[in-house]
Amino acid sequence: MKILNDYFYLFDQAGQDSNAMDELLSLFSPDVVIVLNGAKQIGFETFIKAFYENNSEVKHMYENWELRNNGEYYETNWAVCGKTSSGKVYALSGIDRAKLDQHGKIVYLENIPFDKNIFNKYS
């Protein structure tokens, strides 16, 4: 799943590289559904730009993306370490679920953290 592997790689680079940001944004359909810790929003650009306003750097590690639920979506376990804009460091883990359209664009991305209070701790 090159596009989903590219997602993690480009996500990590996008905070310091505008070309990586453009490439990352190109992986998503404009009306992608993003679900973060249960909260749904449409579109990825607003999320990623807000993320990098609050975080200076991140590094993801993840397992192979596997097709799940009779082919409905891809899923992987992930872990990330990062540094907030204020200088705090953190480590998180969870599951991502993704769906692709017929053009290979991400149309659904759900982030399911193992710690449901992560956004309260590191915002």
PDB file of N, CA and C in Angstrom:
ATOM      1  N   MET A   1       0.825  -1.187   0.000  1.00  0.00           N
ATOM      2  CA  MET A   1       0.000   0.000   0.000  1.00  0.00           C
ATOM      3  C   MET A   1       0.873   1.257   0.000  1.00  0.00           C
ATOM      4  N   LYS A   2       1.396   1.542  -1.145  1.00  0.00           N
ATOM      5  CA  LYS A   2       2.305   2.678  -1.271  1.00  0.00           C
ATOM      6  C   LYS A   2       1.673   3.980  -0.804  1.00  0.00           C
ATOM      7  N   ILE A   3       0.456   4.260  -1.214  1.00  0.00           N
ATOM      8  CA  ILE A   3      -0.161   5.542  -0.832  1.00  0.00           C
ATOM      9  C   ILE A   3      -0.277   5.677   0.687  1.00  0.00           C
ATOM     10  N   LEU A   4      -0.604   4.601   1.379  1.00  0.00           N
ATOM     11  CA  LEU A   4      -0.745   4.674   2.833  1.00  0.00           C
ATOM     12  C   LEU A   4       0.614   4.745   3.518  1.00  0.00           C
ATOM     13  N   ASN A   5       1.625   4.090   2.957  1.00  0.00           N
ATOM     14  CA  ASN A   5       2.982   4.243   3.478  1.00  0.00           C
ATOM     15  C   ASN A   5       3.479   5.675   3.238  1.00  0.00           C
ATOM     16  N   ASP A   6       3.177   6.212   2.056  1.00  0.00           N
ATOM     17  CA  ASP A   6       3.548   7.597   1.749  1.00  0.00           C
ATOM     18  C   ASP A   6       2.882   8.567   2.725  1.00  0.00           C
ATOM     19  N   TYR A   7       1.660   8.262   3.121  1.00  0.00           N
ATOM     20  CA  TYR A   7       0.942   9.120   4.073  1.00  0.00           C
ATOM     21  C   TYR A   7       1.780   9.327   5.339  1.00  0.00           C
ATOM     22  N   PHE A   8       2.251   8.256   5.940  1.00  0.00           N
ATOM     23  CA  PHE A   8       3.039   8.397   7.175  1.00  0.00           C
ATOM     24  C   PHE A   8       4.356   9.128   6.902  1.00  0.00           C
ATOM     25  N   TYR A   9       5.055   8.745   5.845  1.00  0.00           N
ATOM     26  CA  TYR A   9       6.337   9.363   5.529  1.00  0.00           C
ATOM     27  C   TYR A   9       6.169  10.872   5.299  1.00  0.00           C
ATOM     28  N   LEU A  10       5.210  11.245   4.475  1.00  0.00           N
ATOM     29  CA  LEU A  10       5.007  12.660   4.158  1.00  0.00           C
ATOM     30  C   LEU A  10       4.468  13.438   5.351  1.00  0.00           C
ATOM     31  N   PHE A  11       3.623  12.812   6.163  1.00  0.00           N
ATOM     32  CA  PHE A  11       3.120  13.463   7.371  1.00  0.00           C
ATOM     33  C   PHE A  11       4.308  13.916   8.231  1.00  0.00           C
ATOM     34  N   ASP A  12       5.285  13.039   8.405  1.00  0.00           N
ATOM     35  CA  ASP A  12       6.436  13.352   9.243  1.00  0.00           C
ATOM     36  C   ASP A  12       7.290  14.478   8.655  1.00  0.00           C
ATOM     37  N   GLN A  13       7.323  14.609   7.343  1.00  0.00           N
ATOM     38  CA  GLN A  13       8.150  15.613   6.672  1.00  0.00           C
ATOM     39  C   GLN A  13       7.444  16.957   6.481  1.00  0.00           C
ATOM     40  N   ALA A  14       6.124  16.940   6.475  1.00  0.00           N
ATOM     41  CA  ALA A  14       5.327  18.105   6.056  1.00  0.00           C
ATOM     42  C   ALA A  14       5.526  19.348   6.916  1.00  0.00           C
ATOM     43  N   GLY A  15       5.919  19.190   8.156  1.00  0.00           N
ATOM     44  CA  GLY A  15       6.101  20.347   9.028  1.00  0.00           C
ATOM     45  C   GLY A  15       7.285  21.213   8.649  1.00  0.00           C
ATOM     46  N   GLN A  16       8.279  20.627   7.994  1.00  0.00           N
ATOM     47  CA  GLN A  16       9.473  21.375   7.629  1.00  0.00           C
ATOM     48  C   GLN A  16       9.698  21.480   6.127  1.00  0.00           C
ATOM     49  N   ASP A  17       8.836  20.877   5.344  1.00  0.00           N
ATOM     50  CA  ASP A  17       9.060  20.823   3.898  1.00  0.00           C
ATOM     51  C   ASP A  17       7.747  21.089   3.165  1.00  0.00           C
ATOM     52  N   SER A  18       7.656  22.240   2.519  1.00  0.00           N
ATOM     53  CA  SER A  18       6.399  22.605   1.844  1.00  0.00           C
ATOM     54  C   SER A  18       6.084  21.672   0.675  1.00  0.00           C
ATOM     55  N   ASN A  19       7.115  21.111   0.016  1.00  0.00           N
ATOM     56  CA  ASN A  19       6.857  20.141  -1.054  1.00  0.00           C
ATOM     57  C   ASN A  19       6.238  18.867  -0.492  1.00  0.00           C
ATOM     58  N   ALA A  20       6.738  18.430   0.666  1.00  0.00           N
ATOM     59  CA  ALA A  20       6.157  17.251   1.319  1.00  0.00           C
ATOM     60  C   ALA A  20       4.718  17.534   1.722  1.00  0.00           C
ATOM     61  N   MET A  21       4.447  18.758   2.192  1.00  0.00           N
ATOM     62  CA  MET A  21       3.069  19.134   2.546  1.00  0.00           C
ATOM     63  C   MET A  21       2.167  19.036   1.318  1.00  0.00           C
ATOM     64  N   ASP A  22       2.612  19.569   0.190  1.00  0.00           N
ATOM     65  CA  ASP A  22       1.820  19.510  -1.042  1.00  0.00           C
ATOM     66  C   ASP A  22       1.585  18.069  -1.474  1.00  0.00           C
ATOM     67  N   GLU A  23       2.634  17.244  -1.403  1.00  0.00           N
ATOM     68  CA  GLU A  23       2.490  15.836  -1.767  1.00  0.00           C
ATOM     69  C   GLU A  23       1.531  15.121  -0.829  1.00  0.00           C
ATOM     70  N   LEU A  24       1.645  15.422   0.468  1.00  0.00           N
ATOM     71  CA  LEU A  24       0.744  14.818   1.455  1.00  0.00           C
ATOM     72  C   LEU A  24      -0.703  15.175   1.135  1.00  0.00           C
ATOM     73  N   LEU A  25      -0.957  16.440   0.905  1.00  0.00           N
ATOM     74  CA  LEU A  25      -2.327  16.871   0.607  1.00  0.00           C
ATOM     75  C   LEU A  25      -2.863  16.221  -0.665  1.00  0.00           C
ATOM     76  N   SER A  26      -1.990  15.931  -1.614  1.00  0.00           N
ATOM     77  CA  SER A  26      -2.427  15.323  -2.876  1.00  0.00           C
ATOM     78  C   SER A  26      -2.877  13.874  -2.713  1.00  0.00           C
ATOM     79  N   LEU A  27      -2.574  13.252  -1.567  1.00  0.00           N
ATOM     80  CA  LEU A  27      -2.994  11.866  -1.325  1.00  0.00           C
ATOM     81  C   LEU A  27      -4.469  11.749  -0.977  1.00  0.00           C
ATOM     82  N   PHE A  28      -5.096  12.867  -0.612  1.00  0.00           N
ATOM     83  CA  PHE A  28      -6.464  12.867  -0.090  1.00  0.00           C
ATOM     84  C   PHE A  28      -7.456  13.431  -1.090  1.00  0.00           C
ATOM     85  N   SER A  29      -8.665  12.855  -1.091  1.00  0.00           N
ATOM     86  CA  SER A  29      -9.745  13.470  -1.855  1.00  0.00           C
ATOM     87  C   SER A  29     -10.155  14.746  -1.107  1.00  0.00           C
ATOM     88  N   PRO A  30     -10.655  15.754  -1.817  1.00  0.00           N
ATOM     89  CA  PRO A  30     -11.017  17.015  -1.157  1.00  0.00           C
ATOM     90  C   PRO A  30     -12.078  16.840  -0.064  1.00  0.00           C
ATOM     91  N   ASP A  31     -12.941  15.863  -0.222  1.00  0.00           N
ATOM     92  CA  ASP A  31     -14.025  15.667   0.746  1.00  0.00           C
ATOM     93  C   ASP A  31     -13.762  14.463   1.663  1.00  0.00           C
ATOM     94  N   VAL A  32     -12.484  14.170   1.909  1.00  0.00           N
ATOM     95  CA  VAL A  32     -12.110  13.060   2.777  1.00  0.00           C
ATOM     96  C   VAL A  32     -12.765  13.232   4.151  1.00  0.00           C
ATOM     97  N   VAL A  33     -13.200  12.129   4.719  1.00  0.00           N
ATOM     98  CA  VAL A  33     -13.731  12.123   6.087  1.00  0.00           C
ATOM     99  C   VAL A  33     -12.580  11.740   7.009  1.00  0.00           C
ATOM    100  N   ILE A  34     -12.289  12.624   7.953  1.00  0.00           N
ATOM    101  CA  ILE A  34     -11.240  12.399   8.939  1.00  0.00           C
ATOM    102  C   ILE A  34     -11.925  12.212  10.292  1.00  0.00           C
ATOM    103  N   VAL A  35     -11.584  11.128  10.982  1.00  0.00           N
ATOM    104  CA  VAL A  35     -12.132  10.869  12.318  1.00  0.00           C
ATOM    105  C   VAL A  35     -10.948  10.775  13.275  1.00  0.00           C
ATOM    106  N   LEU A  36     -10.880  11.735  14.200  1.00  0.00           N
ATOM    107  CA  LEU A  36      -9.791  11.790  15.173  1.00  0.00           C
ATOM    108  C   LEU A  36     -10.356  11.576  16.556  1.00  0.00           C
ATOM    109  N   ASN A  37     -10.004  10.446  17.139  1.00  0.00           N
ATOM    110  CA  ASN A  37     -10.467  10.145  18.495  1.00  0.00           C
ATOM    111  C   ASN A  37     -11.984  10.293  18.604  1.00  0.00           C
ATOM    112  N   GLY A  38     -12.695   9.873  17.555  1.00  0.00           N
ATOM    113  CA  GLY A  38     -14.153   9.895  17.550  1.00  0.00           C
ATOM    114  C   GLY A  38     -14.782  11.144  16.982  1.00  0.00           C
ATOM    115  N   ALA A  39     -14.025  12.224  16.789  1.00  0.00           N
ATOM    116  CA  ALA A  39     -14.567  13.482  16.247  1.00  0.00           C
ATOM    117  C   ALA A  39     -14.372  13.509  14.731  1.00  0.00           C
ATOM    118  N   LYS A  40     -15.472  13.727  13.998  1.00  0.00           N
ATOM    119  CA  LYS A  40     -15.442  13.693  12.545  1.00  0.00           C
ATOM    120  C   LYS A  40     -15.324  15.090  11.963  1.00  0.00           C
ATOM    121  N   GLN A  41     -14.528  15.213  10.883  1.00  0.00           N
ATOM    122  CA  GLN A  41     -14.446  16.454  10.119  1.00  0.00           C
ATOM    123  C   GLN A  41     -14.246  16.098   8.653  1.00  0.00           C
ATOM    124  N   ILE A  42     -14.533  17.033   7.785  1.00  0.00           N
ATOM    125  CA  ILE A  42     -14.351  16.835   6.350  1.00  0.00           C
ATOM    126  C   ILE A  42     -13.121  17.630   5.916  1.00  0.00           C
ATOM    127  N   GLY A  43     -12.244  17.000   5.167  1.00  0.00           N
ATOM    128  CA  GLY A  43     -11.050  17.652   4.660  1.00  0.00           C
ATOM    129  C   GLY A  43      -9.845  17.422   5.551  1.00  0.00           C
ATOM    130  N   PHE A  44      -8.682  17.315   4.916  1.00  0.00           N
ATOM    131  CA  PHE A  44      -7.448  17.033   5.635  1.00  0.00           C
ATOM    132  C   PHE A  44      -6.586  18.276   5.844  1.00  0.00           C
ATOM    133  N   GLU A  45      -6.660  19.227   4.942  1.00  0.00           N
ATOM    134  CA  GLU A  45      -5.752  20.376   4.984  1.00  0.00           C
ATOM    135  C   GLU A  45      -5.863  21.179   6.272  1.00  0.00           C
ATOM    136  N   THR A  46      -7.063  21.442   6.731  1.00  0.00           N
ATOM    137  CA  THR A  46      -7.243  22.200   7.974  1.00  0.00           C
ATOM    138  C   THR A  46      -6.619  21.462   9.141  1.00  0.00           C
ATOM    139  N   PHE A  47      -6.829  20.156   9.204  1.00  0.00           N
ATOM    140  CA  PHE A  47      -6.254  19.356  10.284  1.00  0.00           C
ATOM    141  C   PHE A  47      -4.736  19.417  10.283  1.00  0.00           C
ATOM    142  N   ILE A  48      -4.101  19.149   9.141  1.00  0.00           N
ATOM    143  CA  ILE A  48      -2.642  19.039   9.120  1.00  0.00           C
ATOM    144  C   ILE A  48      -1.985  20.389   9.397  1.00  0.00           C
ATOM    145  N   LYS A  49      -2.574  21.451   8.921  1.00  0.00           N
ATOM    146  CA  LYS A  49      -1.989  22.774   9.187  1.00  0.00           C
ATOM    147  C   LYS A  49      -2.127  23.137  10.669  1.00  0.00           C
ATOM    148  N   ALA A  50      -3.258  22.802  11.282  1.00  0.00           N
ATOM    149  CA  ALA A  50      -3.429  23.041  12.720  1.00  0.00           C
ATOM    150  C   ALA A  50      -2.477  22.153  13.512  1.00  0.00           C
ATOM    151  N   PHE A  51      -2.291  20.921  13.055  1.00  0.00           N
ATOM    152  CA  PHE A  51      -1.372  20.010  13.733  1.00  0.00           C
ATOM    153  C   PHE A  51       0.019  20.617  13.801  1.00  0.00           C
ATOM    154  N   TYR A  52       0.501  21.144  12.675  1.00  0.00           N
ATOM    155  CA  TYR A  52       1.854  21.691  12.656  1.00  0.00           C
ATOM    156  C   TYR A  52       1.958  23.088  13.259  1.00  0.00           C
ATOM    157  N   GLU A  53       0.851  23.714  13.566  1.00  0.00           N
ATOM    158  CA  GLU A  53       0.905  24.932  14.381  1.00  0.00           C
ATOM    159  C   GLU A  53       1.191  24.570  15.834  1.00  0.00           C
ATOM    160  N   ASN A  54       0.794  23.364  16.243  1.00  0.00           N
ATOM    161  CA  ASN A  54       0.951  22.915  17.627  1.00  0.00           C
ATOM    162  C   ASN A  54       2.091  21.928  17.841  1.00  0.00           C
ATOM    163  N   ASN A  55       2.706  21.454  16.778  1.00  0.00           N
ATOM    164  CA  ASN A  55       3.779  20.468  16.864  1.00  0.00           C
ATOM    165  C   ASN A  55       4.931  20.876  15.960  1.00  0.00           C
ATOM    166  N   SER A  56       6.145  20.754  16.471  1.00  0.00           N
ATOM    167  CA  SER A  56       7.296  21.128  15.654  1.00  0.00           C
ATOM    168  C   SER A  56       7.852  19.952  14.861  1.00  0.00           C
ATOM    169  N   GLU A  57       7.725  18.728  15.395  1.00  0.00           N
ATOM    170  CA  GLU A  57       8.186  17.566  14.640  1.00  0.00           C
ATOM    171  C   GLU A  57       7.554  16.288  15.182  1.00  0.00           C
ATOM    172  N   VAL A  58       7.456  15.284  14.293  1.00  0.00           N
ATOM    173  CA  VAL A  58       6.911  13.974  14.657  1.00  0.00           C
ATOM    174  C   VAL A  58       7.626  12.893  13.861  1.00  0.00           C
ATOM    175  N   LYS A  59       7.569  11.684  14.380  1.00  0.00           N
ATOM    176  CA  LYS A  59       8.091  10.514  13.678  1.00  0.00           C
ATOM    177  C   LYS A  59       7.165   9.335  13.957  1.00  0.00           C
ATOM    178  N   HIS A  60       6.570   8.797  12.894  1.00  0.00           N
ATOM    179  CA  HIS A  60       5.684   7.640  12.991  1.00  0.00           C
ATOM    180  C   HIS A  60       6.438   6.344  12.723  1.00  0.00           C
ATOM    181  N   MET A  61       6.044   5.322  13.424  1.00  0.00           N
ATOM    182  CA  MET A  61       6.411   3.940  13.128  1.00  0.00           C
ATOM    183  C   MET A  61       5.080   3.203  12.982  1.00  0.00           C
ATOM    184  N   TYR A  62       5.016   2.244  12.087  1.00  0.00           N
ATOM    185  CA  TYR A  62       3.748   1.546  11.864  1.00  0.00           C
ATOM    186  C   TYR A  62       3.998   0.162  11.310  1.00  0.00           C
ATOM    187  N   GLU A  63       3.007  -0.692  11.490  1.00  0.00           N
ATOM    188  CA  GLU A  63       3.057  -2.047  10.969  1.00  0.00           C
ATOM    189  C   GLU A  63       2.507  -2.048   9.542  1.00  0.00           C
ATOM    190  N   ASN A  64       2.545  -3.175   8.886  1.00  0.00           N
ATOM    191  CA  ASN A  64       1.980  -3.271   7.542  1.00  0.00           C
ATOM    192  C   ASN A  64       0.493  -2.955   7.557  1.00  0.00           C
ATOM    193  N   TRP A  65       0.046  -2.252   6.536  1.00  0.00           N
ATOM    194  CA  TRP A  65      -1.382  -2.011   6.356  1.00  0.00           C
ATOM    195  C   TRP A  65      -2.033  -3.317   5.912  1.00  0.00           C
ATOM    196  N   GLU A  66      -3.088  -3.728   6.595  1.00  0.00           N
ATOM    197  CA  GLU A  66      -3.799  -4.971   6.289  1.00  0.00           C
ATOM    198  C   GLU A  66      -5.240  -4.658   5.920  1.00  0.00           C
ATOM    199  N   LEU A  67      -5.752  -5.357   4.905  1.00  0.00           N
ATOM    200  CA  LEU A  67      -7.162  -5.225   4.532  1.00  0.00           C
ATOM    201  C   LEU A  67      -8.009  -5.923   5.590  1.00  0.00           C
ATOM    202  N   ARG A  68      -9.027  -5.234   6.095  1.00  0.00           N
ATOM    203  CA  ARG A  68      -9.851  -5.751   7.198  1.00  0.00           C
ATOM    204  C   ARG A  68     -11.343  -5.658   6.856  1.00  0.00           C
ATOM    205  N   ASN A  69     -12.137  -6.325   7.692  1.00  0.00           N
ATOM    206  CA  ASN A  69     -13.596  -6.280   7.630  1.00  0.00           C
ATOM    207  C   ASN A  69     -14.117  -6.566   6.214  1.00  0.00           C
ATOM    208  N   ASN A  70     -13.691  -7.712   5.689  1.00  0.00           N
ATOM    209  CA  ASN A  70     -14.105  -8.150   4.348  1.00  0.00           C
ATOM    210  C   ASN A  70     -13.745  -7.139   3.268  1.00  0.00           C
ATOM    211  N   GLY A  71     -12.587  -6.509   3.399  1.00  0.00           N
ATOM    212  CA  GLY A  71     -12.109  -5.575   2.384  1.00  0.00           C
ATOM    213  C   GLY A  71     -12.661  -4.169   2.486  1.00  0.00           C
ATOM    214  N   GLU A  72     -13.340  -3.860   3.583  1.00  0.00           N
ATOM    215  CA  GLU A  72     -13.957  -2.534   3.726  1.00  0.00           C
ATOM    216  C   GLU A  72     -12.921  -1.423   3.922  1.00  0.00           C
ATOM    217  N   TYR A  73     -11.834  -1.715   4.644  1.00  0.00           N
ATOM    218  CA  TYR A  73     -10.830  -0.699   4.917  1.00  0.00           C
ATOM    219  C   TYR A  73      -9.485  -1.358   5.189  1.00  0.00           C
ATOM    220  N   TYR A  74      -8.442  -0.528   5.161  1.00  0.00           N
ATOM    221  CA  TYR A  74      -7.104  -0.941   5.556  1.00  0.00           C
ATOM    222  C   TYR A  74      -6.883  -0.503   6.995  1.00  0.00           C
ATOM    223  N   GLU A  75      -6.040  -1.254   7.709  1.00  0.00           N
ATOM    224  CA  GLU A  75      -5.795  -0.925   9.111  1.00  0.00           C
ATOM    225  C   GLU A  75      -4.330  -1.197   9.449  1.00  0.00           C
ATOM    226  N   THR A  76      -3.790  -0.370  10.340  1.00  0.00           N
ATOM    227  CA  THR A  76      -2.441  -0.575  10.848  1.00  0.00           C
ATOM    228  C   THR A  76      -2.342  -0.099  12.290  1.00  0.00           C
ATOM    229  N   ASN A  77      -1.430  -0.702  13.033  1.00  0.00           N
ATOM    230  CA  ASN A  77      -1.053  -0.206  14.353  1.00  0.00           C
ATOM    231  C   ASN A  77       0.072   0.796  14.140  1.00  0.00           C
ATOM    232  N   TRP A  78       0.046   1.880  14.892  1.00  0.00           N
ATOM    233  CA  TRP A  78       1.072   2.915  14.763  1.00  0.00           C
ATOM    234  C   TRP A  78       1.554   3.359  16.142  1.00  0.00           C
ATOM    235  N   ALA A  79       2.719   3.950  16.129  1.00  0.00           N
ATOM    236  CA  ALA A  79       3.260   4.644  17.296  1.00  0.00           C
ATOM    237  C   ALA A  79       3.910   5.907  16.758  1.00  0.00           C
ATOM    238  N   VAL A  80       3.854   6.965  17.541  1.00  0.00           N
ATOM    239  CA  VAL A  80       4.451   8.227  17.121  1.00  0.00           C
ATOM    240  C   VAL A  80       5.123   8.889  18.315  1.00  0.00           C
ATOM    241  N   CYS A  81       6.247   9.507  18.064  1.00  0.00           N
ATOM    242  CA  CYS A  81       6.844  10.379  19.072  1.00  0.00           C
ATOM    243  C   CYS A  81       6.910  11.757  18.435  1.00  0.00           C
ATOM    244  N   GLY A  82       6.825  12.758  19.269  1.00  0.00           N
ATOM    245  CA  GLY A  82       6.822  14.100  18.728  1.00  0.00           C
ATOM    246  C   GLY A  82       7.237  15.123  19.746  1.00  0.00           C
ATOM    247  N   LYS A  83       7.297  16.354  19.256  1.00  0.00           N
ATOM    248  CA  LYS A  83       7.624  17.492  20.100  1.00  0.00           C
ATOM    249  C   LYS A  83       6.630  18.600  19.769  1.00  0.00           C
ATOM    250  N   THR A  84       5.980  19.113  20.811  1.00  0.00           N
ATOM    251  CA  THR A  84       5.025  20.202  20.611  1.00  0.00           C
ATOM    252  C   THR A  84       5.778  21.499  20.327  1.00  0.00           C
ATOM    253  N   SER A  85       5.049  22.486  19.841  1.00  0.00           N
ATOM    254  CA  SER A  85       5.648  23.792  19.576  1.00  0.00           C
ATOM    255  C   SER A  85       6.195  24.429  20.841  1.00  0.00           C
ATOM    256  N   SER A  86       5.628  24.065  21.986  1.00  0.00           N
ATOM    257  CA  SER A  86       6.110  24.612  23.261  1.00  0.00           C
ATOM    258  C   SER A  86       7.304  23.832  23.820  1.00  0.00           C
ATOM    259  N   GLY A  87       7.730  22.759  23.122  1.00  0.00           N
ATOM    260  CA  GLY A  87       8.912  22.020  23.535  1.00  0.00           C
ATOM    261  C   GLY A  87       8.663  20.747  24.312  1.00  0.00           C
ATOM    262  N   LYS A  88       7.405  20.406  24.586  1.00  0.00           N
ATOM    263  CA  LYS A  88       7.106  19.155  25.281  1.00  0.00           C
ATOM    264  C   LYS A  88       7.246  17.981  24.317  1.00  0.00           C
ATOM    265  N   VAL A  89       7.782  16.870  24.818  1.00  0.00           N
ATOM    266  CA  VAL A  89       7.881  15.659  24.008  1.00  0.00           C
ATOM    267  C   VAL A  89       6.784  14.685  24.417  1.00  0.00           C
ATOM    268  N   TYR A  90       6.397  13.825  23.482  1.00  0.00           N
ATOM    269  CA  TYR A  90       5.334  12.863  23.760  1.00  0.00           C
ATOM    270  C   TYR A  90       5.521  11.611  22.915  1.00  0.00           C
ATOM    271  N   ALA A  91       4.860  10.548  23.348  1.00  0.00           N
ATOM    272  CA  ALA A  91       4.798   9.292  22.599  1.00  0.00           C
ATOM    273  C   ALA A  91       3.371   8.774  22.711  1.00  0.00           C
ATOM    274  N   LEU A  92       2.815   8.361  21.590  1.00  0.00           N
ATOM    275  CA  LEU A  92       1.432   7.889  21.517  1.00  0.00           C
ATOM    276  C   LEU A  92       1.377   6.641  20.650  1.00  0.00           C
ATOM    277  N   SER A  93       0.288   5.887  20.778  1.00  0.00           N
ATOM    278  CA  SER A  93       0.084   4.735  19.905  1.00  0.00           C
ATOM    279  C   SER A  93      -1.406   4.517  19.684  1.00  0.00           C
ATOM    280  N   GLY A  94      -1.703   3.778  18.625  1.00  0.00           N
ATOM    281  CA  GLY A  94      -3.096   3.511  18.308  1.00  0.00           C
ATOM    282  C   GLY A  94      -3.238   2.743  17.007  1.00  0.00           C
ATOM    283  N   ILE A  95      -4.405   2.883  16.402  1.00  0.00           N
ATOM    284  CA  ILE A  95      -4.760   2.204  15.156  1.00  0.00           C
ATOM    285  C   ILE A  95      -5.234   3.260  14.168  1.00  0.00           C
ATOM    286  N   ASP A  96      -4.856   3.114  12.908  1.00  0.00           N
ATOM    287  CA  ASP A  96      -5.432   3.921  11.827  1.00  0.00           C
ATOM    288  C   ASP A  96      -6.221   3.001  10.908  1.00  0.00           C
ATOM    289  N   ARG A  97      -7.343   3.501  10.445  1.00  0.00           N
ATOM    290  CA  ARG A  97      -8.145   2.829   9.422  1.00  0.00           C
ATOM    291  C   ARG A  97      -8.284   3.775   8.247  1.00  0.00           C
ATOM    292  N   ALA A  98      -8.150   3.238   7.039  1.00  0.00           N
ATOM    293  CA  ALA A  98      -8.217   4.075   5.847  1.00  0.00           C
ATOM    294  C   ALA A  98      -8.981   3.375   4.736  1.00  0.00           C
ATOM    295  N   LYS A  99      -9.691   4.202   3.946  1.00  0.00           N
ATOM    296  CA  LYS A  99     -10.365   3.725   2.742  1.00  0.00           C
ATOM    297  C   LYS A  99      -9.861   4.554   1.570  1.00  0.00           C
ATOM    298  N   LEU A 100      -9.708   3.890   0.425  1.00  0.00           N
ATOM    299  CA  LEU A 100      -9.260   4.552  -0.796  1.00  0.00           C
ATOM    300  C   LEU A 100     -10.363   4.519  -1.840  1.00  0.00           C
ATOM    301  N   ASP A 101     -10.391   5.536  -2.697  1.00  0.00           N
ATOM    302  CA  ASP A 101     -11.353   5.510  -3.806  1.00  0.00           C
ATOM    303  C   ASP A 101     -10.727   4.817  -5.013  1.00  0.00           C
ATOM    304  N   GLN A 102     -11.444   4.749  -6.097  1.00  0.00           N
ATOM    305  CA  GLN A 102     -10.983   4.043  -7.297  1.00  0.00           C
ATOM    306  C   GLN A 102      -9.785   4.734  -7.945  1.00  0.00           C
ATOM    307  N   HIS A 103      -9.507   5.987  -7.570  1.00  0.00           N
ATOM    308  CA  HIS A 103      -8.365   6.725  -8.106  1.00  0.00           C
ATOM    309  C   HIS A 103      -7.150   6.653  -7.182  1.00  0.00           C
ATOM    310  N   GLY A 104      -7.272   5.904  -6.085  1.00  0.00           N
ATOM    311  CA  GLY A 104      -6.167   5.756  -5.154  1.00  0.00           C
ATOM    312  C   GLY A 104      -6.023   6.909  -4.174  1.00  0.00           C
ATOM    313  N   LYS A 105      -7.043   7.734  -4.050  1.00  0.00           N
ATOM    314  CA  LYS A 105      -7.031   8.830  -3.071  1.00  0.00           C
ATOM    315  C   LYS A 105      -7.639   8.336  -1.759  1.00  0.00           C
ATOM    316  N   ILE A 106      -7.129   8.866  -0.652  1.00  0.00           N
ATOM    317  CA  ILE A 106      -7.687   8.522   0.648  1.00  0.00           C
ATOM    318  C   ILE A 106      -9.002   9.271   0.812  1.00  0.00           C
ATOM    319  N   VAL A 107     -10.089   8.521   1.046  1.00  0.00           N
ATOM    320  CA  VAL A 107     -11.414   9.138   1.211  1.00  0.00           C
ATOM    321  C   VAL A 107     -11.922   9.024   2.643  1.00  0.00           C
ATOM    322  N   TYR A 108     -11.239   8.223   3.449  1.00  0.00           N
ATOM    323  CA  TYR A 108     -11.617   8.046   4.851  1.00  0.00           C
ATOM    324  C   TYR A 108     -10.357   7.712   5.630  1.00  0.00           C
ATOM    325  N   LEU A 109     -10.144   8.407   6.745  1.00  0.00           N
ATOM    326  CA  LEU A 109      -9.018   8.122   7.621  1.00  0.00           C
ATOM    327  C   LEU A 109      -9.483   8.286   9.050  1.00  0.00           C
ATOM    328  N   GLU A 110      -9.378   7.197   9.810  1.00  0.00           N
ATOM    329  CA  GLU A 110      -9.781   7.218  11.215  1.00  0.00           C
ATOM    330  C   GLU A 110      -8.582   6.915  12.091  1.00  0.00           C
ATOM    331  N   ASN A 111      -8.342   7.780  13.055  1.00  0.00           N
ATOM    332  CA  ASN A 111      -7.268   7.642  14.021  1.00  0.00           C
ATOM    333  C   ASN A 111      -7.894   7.234  15.349  1.00  0.00           C
ATOM    334  N   ILE A 112      -7.525   6.050  15.831  1.00  0.00           N
ATOM    335  CA  ILE A 112      -8.095   5.504  17.068  1.00  0.00           C
ATOM    336  C   ILE A 112      -6.954   5.345  18.076  1.00  0.00           C
ATOM    337  N   PRO A 113      -6.730   6.341  18.913  1.00  0.00           N
ATOM    338  CA  PRO A 113      -5.636   6.233  19.885  1.00  0.00           C
ATOM    339  C   PRO A 113      -5.990   5.247  20.997  1.00  0.00           C
ATOM    340  N   PHE A 114      -4.977   4.576  21.516  1.00  0.00           N
ATOM    341  CA  PHE A 114      -5.212   3.672  22.639  1.00  0.00           C
ATOM    342  C   PHE A 114      -5.543   4.458  23.905  1.00  0.00           C
ATOM    343  N   ASP A 115      -4.969   5.649  24.049  1.00  0.00           N
ATOM    344  CA  ASP A 115      -5.281   6.536  25.169  1.00  0.00           C
ATOM    345  C   ASP A 115      -6.268   7.594  24.672  1.00  0.00           C
ATOM    346  N   LYS A 116      -7.504   7.488  25.086  1.00  0.00           N
ATOM    347  CA  LYS A 116      -8.564   8.386  24.589  1.00  0.00           C
ATOM    348  C   LYS A 116      -8.401   9.842  25.047  1.00  0.00           C
ATOM    349  N   ASN A 117      -7.489  10.100  25.991  1.00  0.00           N
ATOM    350  CA  ASN A 117      -7.278  11.462  26.490  1.00  0.00           C
ATOM    351  C   ASN A 117      -6.027  12.117  25.918  1.00  0.00           C
ATOM    352  N   ILE A 118      -5.494  11.576  24.821  1.00  0.00           N
ATOM    353  CA  ILE A 118      -4.225  12.103  24.315  1.00  0.00           C
ATOM    354  C   ILE A 118      -4.294  13.568  23.932  1.00  0.00           C
ATOM    355  N   PHE A 119      -5.406  13.980  23.349  1.00  0.00           N
ATOM    356  CA  PHE A 119      -5.464  15.361  22.876  1.00  0.00           C
ATOM    357  C   PHE A 119      -5.561  16.338  24.035  1.00  0.00           C
ATOM    358  N   ASN A 120      -6.017  15.900  25.181  1.00  0.00           N
ATOM    359  CA  ASN A 120      -6.038  16.756  26.372  1.00  0.00           C
ATOM    360  C   ASN A 120      -4.638  16.911  26.963  1.00  0.00           C
ATOM    361  N   LYS A 121      -3.833  15.864  26.856  1.00  0.00           N
ATOM    362  CA  LYS A 121      -2.508  15.869  27.456  1.00  0.00           C
ATOM    363  C   LYS A 121      -1.488  16.668  26.661  1.00  0.00           C
ATOM    364  N   TYR A 122      -1.614  16.668  25.332  1.00  0.00           N
ATOM    365  CA  TYR A 122      -0.553  17.212  24.491  1.00  0.00           C
ATOM    366  C   TYR A 122      -1.009  18.349  23.601  1.00  0.00           C
ATOM    367  N   SER A 123      -2.080  19.007  23.930  1.00  0.00           N
ATOM    368  CA  SER A 123      -2.532  20.107  23.084  1.00  0.00           C
ATOM    369  C   SER A 123      -1.852  21.391  23.464  1.00  0.00           C
TER     370      SER A 123
END
